[in-house]
Each structure stands twice: as structure tokens, then as C-alpha cells.
Amino acid sequence: MNINLHRLEPAFDFTSCESSVLLNQGQTEVRIDGNSYTGDGEVRLDLLPRANIHLYGKFQGVPAVDALAPMNGQKTISSFSINGRQVEGFFLNIGGDATAQEMTIKWCPKSEPINGVGDESTQMTRVVFHLFNFADLLGTRRSIEQSETTRHAIEHVDLTCDEWKVELKSLLATRDNIKALKAEGGYRLTHIGGLEKADGTSFSGKDADQCLKALRFFLSFAKGGWCEPICAVGFDASGNRAWESWSSPRDPWHTPLSWFDPNNGSQLATLFPGFMKRWVNDDWREALHEVIYWYLNANHSSRGIDAGIILTQAAIERLSYEFSVKDRRLLTVNGFKDLWASDKFRLLFSSVKIPLDIPAETSELQLLAGSSQMNLLDAPHALSEIRNSLVHPEHKRRGQFSSAYYEAWNLGLWYLEMGILAICGYSGTYGNRLKQRWVGQVEDVPWKK
């Protein structure tokens, strides 16, 4: 696809709603126990049954002994490459016509993303990436695009930090695609993004990879579920495709709770510089990687609320350690290790001015806290006691907190969201997951009140 340098548009044909999208094609080579065969190959983003990058090869002149042997384990495919680039992985299917010495292979990469064009030293001035299944957000600015006789409002969100300038943009088909996702699930393109250096200079493939990884965690934290930039394409100053990174969306459509309110796109713009300031620090990048990974898994309620309680508190403790020990040096490693879990939580929350009281919205937790048998002092105490009753089989109150599991899960995630926002210096509004609210209803973060 050709790209208009002055307009942000998809770099691949994701708008057709096909279940398999062609990303690249060229000569492919396969080696079977030392014998090499070449043929025609394709790289595709397959969306069914689950999204994945697959490579396809069609080869001629392959003896039956080599074409059939990998399927029964008699021979191995030692390598598979396209356009001279070897892709580690494994075959999913081998077909063709053995009598005509024709063989087809469907190859699954070992990992994604795959650097398919260019390398980490390739220079570019702009990257276009694609977002599947993101929230139906209102932007910080709006433009109008026309399709036949219909005019469409296009939402834009501009993210800027010291080094990078990022634009998120909705599409003509965004609303229709989100409507289809709500009805059918699966995967659909909802937004595209553009990435440039803030000063307009060129940057390398390695730089692009690092920024895209930061955006993967930033945007996923906003949605409350995995939502990452995929199939990124880097363009040089002349508009030529110089670099490509092939990848697939991670999760099918679901709508988790989150601090981010889609009607307030400015929340993303407000958080981005503080998030990136933490991300460029090696220690904080590692911590945020772990904490947000646990958060996203914990926030997926279908995977088990009890498991989510445990993961959430592991993430809070990790965040508290990074902040209290390594960043602020409030106490030593051993001093932190000797604290009760509830004290580790209190140390973080009190330092960034997040209230410790059990909120009025968690009536079951308040009821338990008011019981003389439980004697729960505050929210950190309640959360840690419930977690301990789940992980320790000998816990004296094991099974006594089941009525409050949902509230403990949701409250723990609220604390984790607030902790991450506070660590990043965020002082804007947010959607409070503890309250029944409508889209667009937001409030100030607690430390701003």
C-alpha cells in the first residue's frame, strides 16, 4: 500500500474485515535435514481462530521422502525463511501433492514481533502502527473526513513527551467495527497511530522498537487489557517503507474495567509524559513491565477473581518496593522484607497520598471490618488478610471472606491503578471503578483533592 506522507492511514489492508490479511510476500526457503527447497511465500495476519502471524510456503520439486517425513517425525525442518530472513518457529501443517513433488507449509513463528524488513539500525522519520480492539474514545481534537456523501468525525489524541510525538487516530470504520466487536467479538482495527521524534529527526529501528514496547504497556494500562501497537511500518524521509515489524493483537474483544474514561481522551495525553519519564529509567521500566503485566492478568475477571486478588497484591508489593526502597530509599531491602504485607501497602499509599480507609462503596468489606471477630484496621489490612486466607491453607479465617471477594478484587485493582498513576506524577481525572457510573463521569485523583 502507498502512504500519503501528509496523512495518517493504515499501512496494510486491515479495513476489508477479512480473516486473513497479506502483510508480505516473496521467495521462501525451507531446509529439511540439510536439503534446501525454494518457493513462493507469504506472511499473513490470521485472525481466526485466534490472531497470529503465520508464514506460508509453496515448494516444487520436493521428493515425497522429504515432503512426508516431517509429519511423522522421521525428519526435521531445520529452518524456514522468507526473503532471506530466517524465522524461528515450527510447522502447523504440511500439505500438497507428494506425487507431483509439490509441498505447502504453514509456519508459526516462535515469538512476535518479527522484524521482517530492515533491522535495528535502519533509519526512518515516521512509524505507522495499528490498534485492534481499542476503546471508542473521544479525542483531544477532531477532524472531518468524507466517504462518498457521508462526512465522518475523526477523533485524534496527541501524546507528547521529551523525546517522542505520538498521534492516535480513529478511522471511518471505527464506530462500525466497535459495534461489530460488541456483537460478535474477535478482532477488528479500531485506530491507527503515528510515531515521530519530537524534534523531527530520524531514528533507528531499535529506537522504534523501544518506543512501541512502551506504548504497548501504556495503552494496555489505559484499556485495562492487552491492546498493543501491531504491524508497525517505518518510513524514510522520502516515504519509502524502510522497516516493518509484524505482530498480531493479543486478546479478542473484551471490555474490562479501567481508570481510563474513553470520553476523556485528554487523560491519555496527561499521563503520557510522566509514564515515559519513568519508562526510560531502567529500574522503573522493569518494574512497570512486571506490575502492568500482573495488573492486566488480574483485571481479566474471567480468569478468576481469587487469582486476581493474589496477582494484584503481588503487583502492589512490587510497586511499593521499587518506590520505597530503590527510588525514595525510605528503608533498606531487609527493612522492607521484614514488613507485614499490609505495612508495605501503607508505606506506598501514604507516601503518595492515597487514602487508607475502606471506601463506602465496598459495603461487604466495611461489614467485615466492623465485626469484632475480624478487627480489620483499614483497607491494606483487609486486602492482605483476604489474600492470606486464599494462599495459606492453614489460615484461621480461610473461607470466611468469600462474600467480599469481588469487592476485595476490585478495591485492590483500584489501589494498583491509583499507585501507578501517582508514581507517574499524574494529577488529572479518572473513572472510579468502585462506583456505578456512566461513561464520561470522572473525578479528580485522590491526592489532588
Protein backbone atom coordinates (compact mmCIF):
# COMPACT_ATOMS: atom_id res chain seq x y z
CA MET A 1 0.00 0.00 0.00
CA ASN A 2 1.20 3.52 -0.81
CA ILE A 3 1.28 6.03 2.04
CA ASN A 4 0.40 9.71 1.86
CA LEU A 5 3.17 11.39 3.84
CA HIS A 6 0.83 14.13 5.00
CA ARG A 7 -1.97 11.85 6.16
CA LEU A 8 -2.03 9.12 8.77
CA GLU A 9 -3.58 6.00 7.24
CA PRO A 10 -3.25 2.20 7.60
CA ALA A 11 -0.11 0.63 6.14
CA PHE A 12 -1.90 -2.67 5.43
CA ASP A 13 -5.37 -3.55 4.15
CA PHE A 14 -6.99 -4.17 7.54
CA THR A 15 -10.21 -2.42 6.52
CA SER A 16 -11.63 -5.30 4.46
CA CYS A 17 -12.60 -7.31 7.58
CA GLU A 18 -11.06 -10.42 6.03
CA SER A 19 -9.95 -13.12 8.46
CA SER A 20 -6.51 -13.33 6.81
CA VAL A 21 -4.55 -10.22 5.76
CA LEU A 22 -1.50 -10.32 3.49
CA LEU A 23 1.49 -8.50 5.02
CA ASN A 24 4.37 -9.53 2.77
CA GLN A 25 5.30 -11.95 0.01
CA GLY A 26 8.45 -13.14 -1.69
CA GLN A 27 10.80 -16.08 -2.03
CA THR A 28 10.76 -18.59 0.77
CA GLU A 29 13.23 -21.34 1.59
CA VAL A 30 12.89 -24.43 3.74
CA ARG A 31 15.60 -26.84 4.85
CA ILE A 32 14.65 -30.43 5.65
CA ASP A 33 17.52 -32.39 7.18
CA GLY A 34 20.08 -30.47 5.12
CA ASN A 35 18.14 -30.41 1.84
CA SER A 36 17.08 -26.94 0.75
CA TYR A 37 13.99 -26.05 -1.31
CA THR A 38 12.81 -22.65 -2.52
CA GLY A 39 9.35 -21.46 -3.49
CA ASP A 40 6.78 -18.69 -3.21
CA GLY A 41 5.93 -17.42 0.25
CA GLU A 42 3.52 -15.13 2.08
CA VAL A 43 3.34 -13.57 5.52
CA ARG A 44 -0.21 -13.19 6.82
CA LEU A 45 -2.01 -11.94 9.88
CA ASP A 46 -4.60 -14.65 10.52
CA LEU A 47 -7.42 -13.61 12.85
CA LEU A 48 -9.22 -16.95 13.26
CA PRO A 49 -9.49 -18.89 15.46
CA ARG A 50 -7.03 -16.68 17.37
CA ALA A 51 -4.87 -13.91 16.00
CA ASN A 52 -1.38 -14.99 14.91
CA ILE A 53 1.28 -14.23 12.34
CA HIS A 54 1.73 -17.21 10.01
CA LEU A 55 4.12 -17.79 7.11
CA TYR A 56 3.09 -19.84 4.11
CA GLY A 57 5.38 -21.51 1.57
CA LYS A 58 4.65 -23.40 -1.65
CA PHE A 59 7.51 -25.51 -2.99
CA GLN A 60 8.09 -27.51 -6.16
CA GLY A 61 10.40 -30.47 -6.75
CA VAL A 62 10.28 -31.84 -3.22
CA PRO A 63 10.71 -35.63 -3.13
CA ALA A 64 7.99 -37.49 -1.27
CA VAL A 65 10.53 -38.76 1.23
CA ASP A 66 11.20 -35.16 2.35
CA ALA A 67 7.65 -33.86 1.95
CA LEU A 68 6.12 -36.53 4.18
CA ALA A 69 8.92 -37.23 6.66
CA PRO A 70 8.46 -34.16 8.96
CA MET A 71 4.84 -35.10 9.66
CA ASN A 72 5.74 -38.47 11.12
CA GLY A 73 8.87 -37.25 12.87
CA GLN A 74 11.35 -39.04 10.62
CA LYS A 75 12.96 -35.77 9.50
CA THR A 76 13.00 -32.22 10.90
CA ILE A 77 12.57 -28.82 9.31
CA SER A 78 15.79 -27.14 10.39
CA SER A 79 14.95 -23.66 9.06
CA PHE A 80 12.26 -21.63 7.33
CA SER A 81 12.95 -18.22 5.79
CA ILE A 82 11.30 -15.60 3.62
CA ASN A 83 13.21 -13.05 1.55
CA GLY A 84 16.43 -14.31 3.12
CA ARG A 85 15.24 -13.81 6.72
CA GLN A 86 15.11 -16.92 8.85
CA VAL A 87 12.10 -17.13 11.16
CA GLU A 88 12.41 -19.46 14.13
CA GLY A 89 9.29 -21.49 14.76
CA PHE A 90 7.51 -24.73 13.93
CA PHE A 91 5.23 -26.08 11.23
CA LEU A 92 1.49 -26.22 11.83
CA ASN A 93 0.56 -28.00 8.66
CA ILE A 94 2.23 -29.68 5.67
CA GLY A 95 0.24 -30.39 2.55
CA GLY A 96 0.50 -30.52 -1.21
CA ASP A 97 0.74 -33.33 -3.77
CA ALA A 98 3.55 -35.76 -3.00
CA THR A 99 3.24 -37.50 -6.38
CA ALA A 100 3.73 -34.17 -8.18
CA GLN A 101 6.52 -33.26 -5.70
CA GLU A 102 4.58 -30.21 -4.51
CA MET A 103 4.66 -29.24 -0.85
CA THR A 104 2.94 -26.47 1.13
CA ILE A 105 3.89 -25.43 4.67
CA LYS A 106 2.11 -23.28 7.23
CA TRP A 107 4.75 -21.98 9.64
CA CYS A 108 4.15 -20.47 13.07
CA PRO A 109 6.85 -18.12 14.44
CA LYS A 110 8.30 -18.91 17.85
CA SER A 111 7.65 -15.36 19.03
CA GLU A 112 6.39 -11.98 17.90
CA PRO A 113 7.03 -9.32 16.75
CA ILE A 114 9.08 -10.38 13.73
CA ASN A 115 11.45 -7.83 12.19
CA GLY A 116 10.51 -8.52 8.57
CA VAL A 117 12.01 -5.51 6.74
CA GLY A 118 15.07 -3.51 7.77
CA ASP A 119 16.82 -4.01 11.11
CA GLU A 120 17.59 -2.22 14.36
CA SER A 121 19.99 0.18 12.59
CA THR A 122 17.54 1.18 9.83
CA GLN A 123 16.84 4.92 9.86
CA MET A 124 13.32 6.31 9.47
CA THR A 125 11.40 9.50 10.16
CA ARG A 126 7.96 8.07 10.90
CA VAL A 127 6.30 4.86 12.05
CA VAL A 128 2.68 3.92 11.43
CA PHE A 129 1.15 1.31 13.74
CA HIS A 130 -2.27 -0.26 14.12
CA LEU A 131 -4.53 -0.78 17.14
CA PHE A 132 -7.12 -3.54 17.24
CA ASN A 133 -9.94 -3.55 19.81
CA PHE A 134 -9.11 -0.24 21.49
CA ALA A 135 -11.71 1.84 23.31
CA ASP A 136 -14.18 4.03 21.41
CA LEU A 137 -12.62 7.25 22.64
CA LEU A 138 -13.30 10.95 22.18
CA GLY A 139 -10.13 12.73 21.16
CA THR A 140 -8.38 15.87 22.24
CA ARG A 141 -9.11 17.25 18.78
CA ARG A 142 -11.32 16.31 15.84
CA SER A 143 -11.15 16.39 12.06
CA ILE A 144 -13.69 15.60 9.34
CA GLU A 145 -13.25 13.03 6.56
CA GLN A 146 -15.70 12.28 3.80
CA SER A 147 -16.69 8.85 2.45
CA GLU A 148 -18.83 9.17 -0.66
CA THR A 149 -21.63 11.51 0.51
CA THR A 150 -21.15 10.98 4.26
CA ARG A 151 -18.98 13.14 6.49
CA HIS A 152 -17.34 11.40 9.46
CA ALA A 153 -15.88 12.87 12.63
CA ILE A 154 -12.34 11.54 13.19
CA GLU A 155 -11.02 11.57 16.75
CA HIS A 156 -7.35 12.38 17.43
CA VAL A 157 -5.32 12.10 20.62
CA ASP A 158 -1.84 13.66 20.67
CA LEU A 159 0.71 12.23 23.09
CA THR A 160 3.96 14.10 23.62
CA CYS A 161 6.98 13.67 25.85
CA ASP A 162 10.55 14.92 25.78
CA GLU A 163 11.62 12.51 23.03
CA TRP A 164 8.53 11.35 21.16
CA LYS A 165 5.39 12.63 19.49
CA VAL A 166 2.56 10.11 19.04
CA GLU A 167 -0.79 10.56 17.33
CA LEU A 168 -3.72 8.18 17.82
CA LYS A 169 -6.47 8.44 15.24
CA SER A 170 -9.86 6.84 14.71
CA LEU A 171 -10.97 5.68 11.27
CA LEU A 172 -14.02 5.98 9.06
CA ALA A 173 -14.87 2.42 10.08
CA THR A 174 -14.08 2.73 13.81
CA ARG A 175 -17.66 3.04 15.06
CA ASP A 176 -18.91 0.24 12.79
CA ASN A 177 -16.03 -2.01 13.81
CA ILE A 178 -16.63 -1.42 17.52
CA LYS A 179 -20.33 -2.12 17.01
CA ALA A 180 -19.41 -5.40 15.28
CA LEU A 181 -16.96 -6.27 18.07
CA LYS A 182 -19.66 -5.79 20.69
CA ALA A 183 -21.97 -8.08 18.73
CA GLU A 184 -19.53 -10.73 17.51
CA GLY A 185 -16.26 -10.41 19.48
CA GLY A 186 -12.96 -11.23 17.78
CA TYR A 187 -10.56 -8.70 16.33
CA ARG A 188 -11.05 -5.54 14.28
CA LEU A 189 -8.96 -2.49 13.51
CA THR A 190 -10.24 0.44 15.55
CA HIS A 191 -7.41 3.01 15.45
CA ILE A 192 -4.08 3.76 13.87
CA GLY A 193 -1.10 5.58 15.29
CA GLY A 194 1.81 7.65 14.09
CA LEU A 195 5.15 7.89 15.85
CA GLU A 196 7.80 10.56 15.27
CA LYS A 197 10.66 12.13 17.16
CA ALA A 198 9.58 15.29 18.96
CA ASP A 199 12.31 17.29 17.21
CA GLY A 200 11.55 15.80 13.77
CA THR A 201 14.89 13.98 13.42
CA SER A 202 15.29 10.43 12.14
CA PHE A 203 15.52 7.43 14.45
CA SER A 204 16.55 3.79 14.26
CA GLY A 205 14.67 0.52 14.22
CA LYS A 206 15.95 -0.11 17.73
CA ASP A 207 14.54 3.23 18.91
CA ALA A 208 11.20 2.42 17.27
CA ASP A 209 11.06 -1.00 18.95
CA GLN A 210 11.68 0.53 22.36
CA CYS A 211 9.01 3.20 21.97
CA LEU A 212 6.47 0.70 20.61
CA LYS A 213 7.09 -1.51 23.63
CA ALA A 214 6.43 1.45 25.93
CA LEU A 215 3.21 2.17 24.04
CA ARG A 216 2.22 -1.48 24.37
CA PHE A 217 2.19 -1.18 28.17
CA PHE A 218 0.87 2.40 28.23
CA LEU A 219 -2.15 1.70 26.02
CA SER A 220 -2.85 -1.65 27.68
CA PHE A 221 -2.81 0.01 31.10
CA ALA A 222 -5.30 2.57 29.77
CA LYS A 223 -7.68 -0.04 28.40
CA GLY A 224 -7.25 -2.42 31.35
CA GLY A 225 -6.49 -5.28 28.96
CA TRP A 226 -3.87 -6.07 26.35
CA CYS A 227 -4.01 -3.62 23.44
CA GLU A 228 -0.70 -3.15 21.68
CA PRO A 229 0.59 -1.46 18.54
CA ILE A 230 0.82 -4.14 15.84
CA CYS A 231 2.28 -4.41 12.33
CA ALA A 232 4.36 -1.24 12.63
CA VAL A 233 5.88 0.16 9.43
CA GLY A 234 8.71 2.68 9.35
CA PHE A 235 9.01 5.18 6.51
CA ASP A 236 12.10 7.13 5.46
CA ALA A 237 12.11 10.83 4.56
CA SER A 238 11.01 10.03 1.01
CA GLY A 239 8.03 7.99 2.13
CA ASN A 240 9.55 4.59 1.30
CA ARG A 241 8.83 1.58 3.52
CA ALA A 242 12.19 1.03 5.19
CA TRP A 243 11.29 -1.10 8.22
CA GLU A 244 8.48 -3.48 9.22
CA SER A 245 7.65 -5.28 12.44
CA TRP A 246 4.98 -7.99 12.06
CA SER A 247 2.82 -8.86 15.05
CA SER A 248 -0.75 -9.80 15.97
CA PRO A 249 -3.30 -8.49 18.50
CA ARG A 250 -3.07 -10.43 21.73
CA ASP A 251 -6.61 -10.68 23.11
CA PRO A 252 -10.01 -10.93 21.42
CA TRP A 253 -12.55 -8.23 22.24
CA HIS A 254 -13.48 -7.73 25.86
CA THR A 255 -14.31 -4.64 27.91
CA PRO A 256 -12.52 -4.66 31.26
CA LEU A 257 -12.92 -2.04 33.95
CA SER A 258 -10.23 0.62 33.94
CA TRP A 259 -9.28 4.01 35.36
CA PHE A 260 -9.38 5.48 31.83
CA ASP A 261 -12.63 7.02 30.66
CA PRO A 262 -12.99 6.84 26.84
CA ASN A 263 -14.93 10.12 26.77
CA ASN A 264 -11.87 11.87 28.21
CA GLY A 265 -9.03 11.26 25.77
CA SER A 266 -7.09 14.06 27.45
CA GLN A 267 -6.37 11.61 30.30
CA LEU A 268 -4.00 9.74 27.96
CA ALA A 269 -2.26 12.95 26.95
CA THR A 270 -1.88 13.98 30.60
CA LEU A 271 -0.41 10.64 31.72
CA PHE A 272 1.94 10.01 28.79
CA PRO A 273 4.89 12.30 29.66
CA GLY A 274 5.06 11.10 33.28
CA PHE A 275 4.75 7.46 32.22
CA MET A 276 7.56 7.85 29.67
CA LYS A 277 9.76 9.63 32.23
CA ARG A 278 9.54 6.53 34.41
CA TRP A 279 9.85 4.15 31.44
CA VAL A 280 13.20 5.49 30.23
CA ASN A 281 14.71 4.62 33.63
CA ASP A 282 15.97 1.01 33.51
CA ASP A 283 14.78 0.10 37.01
CA TRP A 284 11.36 1.68 36.60
CA ARG A 285 10.91 0.14 33.14
CA GLU A 286 11.46 -3.32 34.59
CA ALA A 287 9.11 -2.59 37.49
CA LEU A 288 6.33 -1.16 35.29
CA HIS A 289 6.69 -4.09 32.90
CA GLU A 290 6.07 -6.55 35.74
CA VAL A 291 3.41 -4.53 37.55
CA ILE A 292 1.29 -3.79 34.47
CA TYR A 293 1.64 -7.38 33.25
CA TRP A 294 0.23 -8.62 36.57
CA TYR A 295 -2.42 -5.89 36.53
CA LEU A 296 -3.68 -6.91 33.08
CA ASN A 297 -3.91 -10.55 34.07
CA ALA A 298 -5.60 -9.73 37.38
CA ASN A 299 -8.08 -7.39 35.70
CA HIS A 300 -9.41 -10.18 33.44
CA SER A 301 -12.20 -11.33 35.75
CA SER A 302 -13.00 -14.44 33.70
CA ARG A 303 -9.63 -15.86 34.75
CA GLY A 304 -10.74 -15.97 38.37
CA ILE A 305 -11.34 -13.24 40.91
CA ASP A 306 -9.45 -15.14 43.62
CA ALA A 307 -6.40 -15.38 41.35
CA GLY A 308 -6.83 -11.69 40.55
CA ILE A 309 -6.70 -10.80 44.25
CA ILE A 310 -3.39 -12.60 44.63
CA LEU A 311 -1.84 -11.12 41.45
CA THR A 312 -2.99 -7.61 42.30
CA GLN A 313 -1.35 -7.64 45.70
CA ALA A 314 1.87 -9.07 44.29
CA ALA A 315 1.88 -6.11 41.90
CA ILE A 316 1.22 -3.57 44.68
CA GLU A 317 4.06 -5.02 46.74
CA ARG A 318 6.39 -4.85 43.71
CA LEU A 319 5.41 -1.23 43.12
CA SER A 320 5.92 -0.39 46.78
CA TYR A 321 9.38 -1.98 46.76
CA GLU A 322 10.50 -0.02 43.70
CA PHE A 323 9.19 3.25 45.11
CA SER A 324 10.07 2.87 48.79
CA VAL A 325 13.42 1.09 48.59
CA LYS A 326 15.02 1.84 45.24
CA ASP A 327 13.53 5.21 44.30
CA ARG A 328 12.93 7.09 47.58
CA ARG A 329 15.22 5.00 49.82
CA LEU A 330 12.77 5.19 52.68
CA LEU A 331 14.15 1.94 54.09
CA THR A 332 16.59 -0.84 53.27
CA VAL A 333 15.92 -4.06 51.36
CA ASN A 334 15.96 -6.01 54.65
CA GLY A 335 13.78 -3.40 56.31
CA PHE A 336 11.21 -3.75 53.57
CA LYS A 337 11.41 -7.53 53.68
CA ASP A 338 10.63 -7.52 57.41
CA LEU A 339 7.39 -5.54 57.00
CA TRP A 340 3.96 -7.12 57.03
CA ALA A 341 2.32 -7.03 53.57
CA SER A 342 -0.24 -4.52 54.86
CA ASP A 343 2.57 -2.21 56.02
CA LYS A 344 4.21 -2.41 52.59
CA PHE A 345 0.92 -1.26 51.11
CA ARG A 346 0.52 1.52 53.68
CA LEU A 347 4.03 2.76 53.04
CA LEU A 348 3.31 3.25 49.34
CA PHE A 349 -0.22 4.59 49.66
CA SER A 350 0.51 7.04 52.47
CA SER A 351 3.63 8.32 50.66
CA VAL A 352 1.64 9.25 47.55
CA LYS A 353 -1.48 10.39 49.47
CA ILE A 354 -3.86 7.57 48.57
CA PRO A 355 -6.40 7.13 51.42
CA LEU A 356 -6.18 4.00 53.57
CA ASP A 357 -9.79 3.85 54.79
CA ILE A 358 -12.10 1.17 53.47
CA PRO A 359 -14.30 3.05 50.95
CA ALA A 360 -18.02 3.41 51.49
CA GLU A 361 -18.63 1.75 48.11
CA THR A 362 -17.34 -1.59 49.45
CA SER A 363 -20.18 -2.42 51.83
CA GLU A 364 -19.24 -6.08 52.38
CA LEU A 365 -15.69 -5.15 53.33
CA GLN A 366 -16.99 -2.49 55.70
CA LEU A 367 -19.32 -5.03 57.27
CA LEU A 368 -16.43 -7.44 57.82
CA ALA A 369 -14.21 -4.68 59.16
CA GLY A 370 -16.88 -3.72 61.68
CA SER A 371 -17.08 -7.26 63.03
CA SER A 372 -15.32 -7.70 66.37
CA GLN A 373 -14.14 -11.12 65.22
CA MET A 374 -12.30 -9.73 62.20
CA ASN A 375 -10.86 -6.50 63.64
CA LEU A 376 -9.73 -5.16 60.23
CA LEU A 377 -7.98 -1.84 60.75
CA ASP A 378 -8.08 -0.37 57.26
CA ALA A 379 -8.11 -1.26 53.56
CA PRO A 380 -4.49 -2.57 53.40
CA HIS A 381 -5.21 -4.81 56.39
CA ALA A 382 -8.45 -6.10 54.87
CA LEU A 383 -6.86 -6.80 51.49
CA SER A 384 -3.83 -8.60 52.90
CA GLU A 385 -5.97 -10.70 55.26
CA ILE A 386 -8.18 -11.84 52.39
CA ARG A 387 -5.15 -12.61 50.23
CA ASN A 388 -3.53 -14.58 53.10
CA SER A 389 -6.71 -16.60 53.61
CA LEU A 390 -6.52 -17.63 49.95
CA VAL A 391 -2.84 -18.59 49.73
CA HIS A 392 -2.30 -20.16 53.16
CA PRO A 393 -4.28 -23.38 53.69
CA GLU A 394 -3.79 -23.21 57.45
CA HIS A 395 -5.09 -19.61 57.74
CA LYS A 396 -7.54 -19.36 60.65
CA ARG A 397 -10.05 -17.35 58.58
CA ARG A 398 -9.82 -19.40 55.41
CA GLY A 399 -13.17 -19.38 53.62
CA GLN A 400 -14.66 -16.65 55.81
CA PHE A 401 -14.21 -13.80 53.33
CA SER A 402 -15.96 -15.26 50.26
CA SER A 403 -18.80 -12.70 50.39
CA ALA A 404 -16.23 -9.91 49.92
CA TYR A 405 -14.04 -11.45 47.22
CA TYR A 406 -15.42 -9.28 44.41
CA GLU A 407 -15.03 -6.08 46.41
CA ALA A 408 -11.52 -7.05 47.51
CA TRP A 409 -10.58 -7.79 43.90
CA ASN A 410 -11.99 -4.51 42.63
CA LEU A 411 -10.59 -2.43 45.50
CA GLY A 412 -7.13 -3.96 45.09
CA LEU A 413 -7.16 -3.07 41.39
CA TRP A 414 -8.30 0.47 42.24
CA TYR A 415 -5.33 0.82 44.60
CA LEU A 416 -2.99 -0.56 41.95
CA GLU A 417 -4.32 1.83 39.30
CA MET A 418 -4.00 4.76 41.69
CA GLY A 419 -0.49 3.66 42.67
CA ILE A 420 0.71 3.55 39.05
CA LEU A 421 -0.91 6.90 38.25
CA ALA A 422 0.63 8.52 41.33
CA ILE A 423 4.08 7.09 40.62
CA CYS A 424 3.88 8.65 37.15
CA GLY A 425 3.03 12.06 38.61
CA TYR A 426 -0.50 12.06 37.19
CA SER A 427 -2.83 14.72 38.58
CA GLY A 428 -5.78 14.60 36.20
CA THR A 429 -9.19 12.94 36.33
CA TYR A 430 -10.09 9.26 36.22
CA GLY A 431 -13.05 6.90 36.08
CA ASN A 432 -13.61 5.41 39.52
CA ARG A 433 -14.12 1.65 39.17
CA LEU A 434 -15.55 1.46 42.69
CA LYS A 435 -18.64 3.43 41.71
CA GLN A 436 -21.60 2.72 39.45
CA ARG A 437 -21.09 5.44 36.85
CA TRP A 438 -21.90 6.37 33.29
CA VAL A 439 -19.36 6.90 30.53
CA GLY A 440 -17.88 10.36 30.88
CA GLN A 441 -18.35 10.58 34.65
CA VAL A 442 -14.93 11.26 36.14
CA GLU A 443 -13.39 12.68 39.29
CA ASP A 444 -10.05 14.03 40.45
CA VAL A 445 -7.43 11.57 41.64
CA PRO A 446 -7.42 11.36 45.49
CA TRP A 447 -4.12 13.16 46.01
CA LYS A 448 -5.39 16.22 44.13
CA LYS A 449 -8.39 16.78 46.42
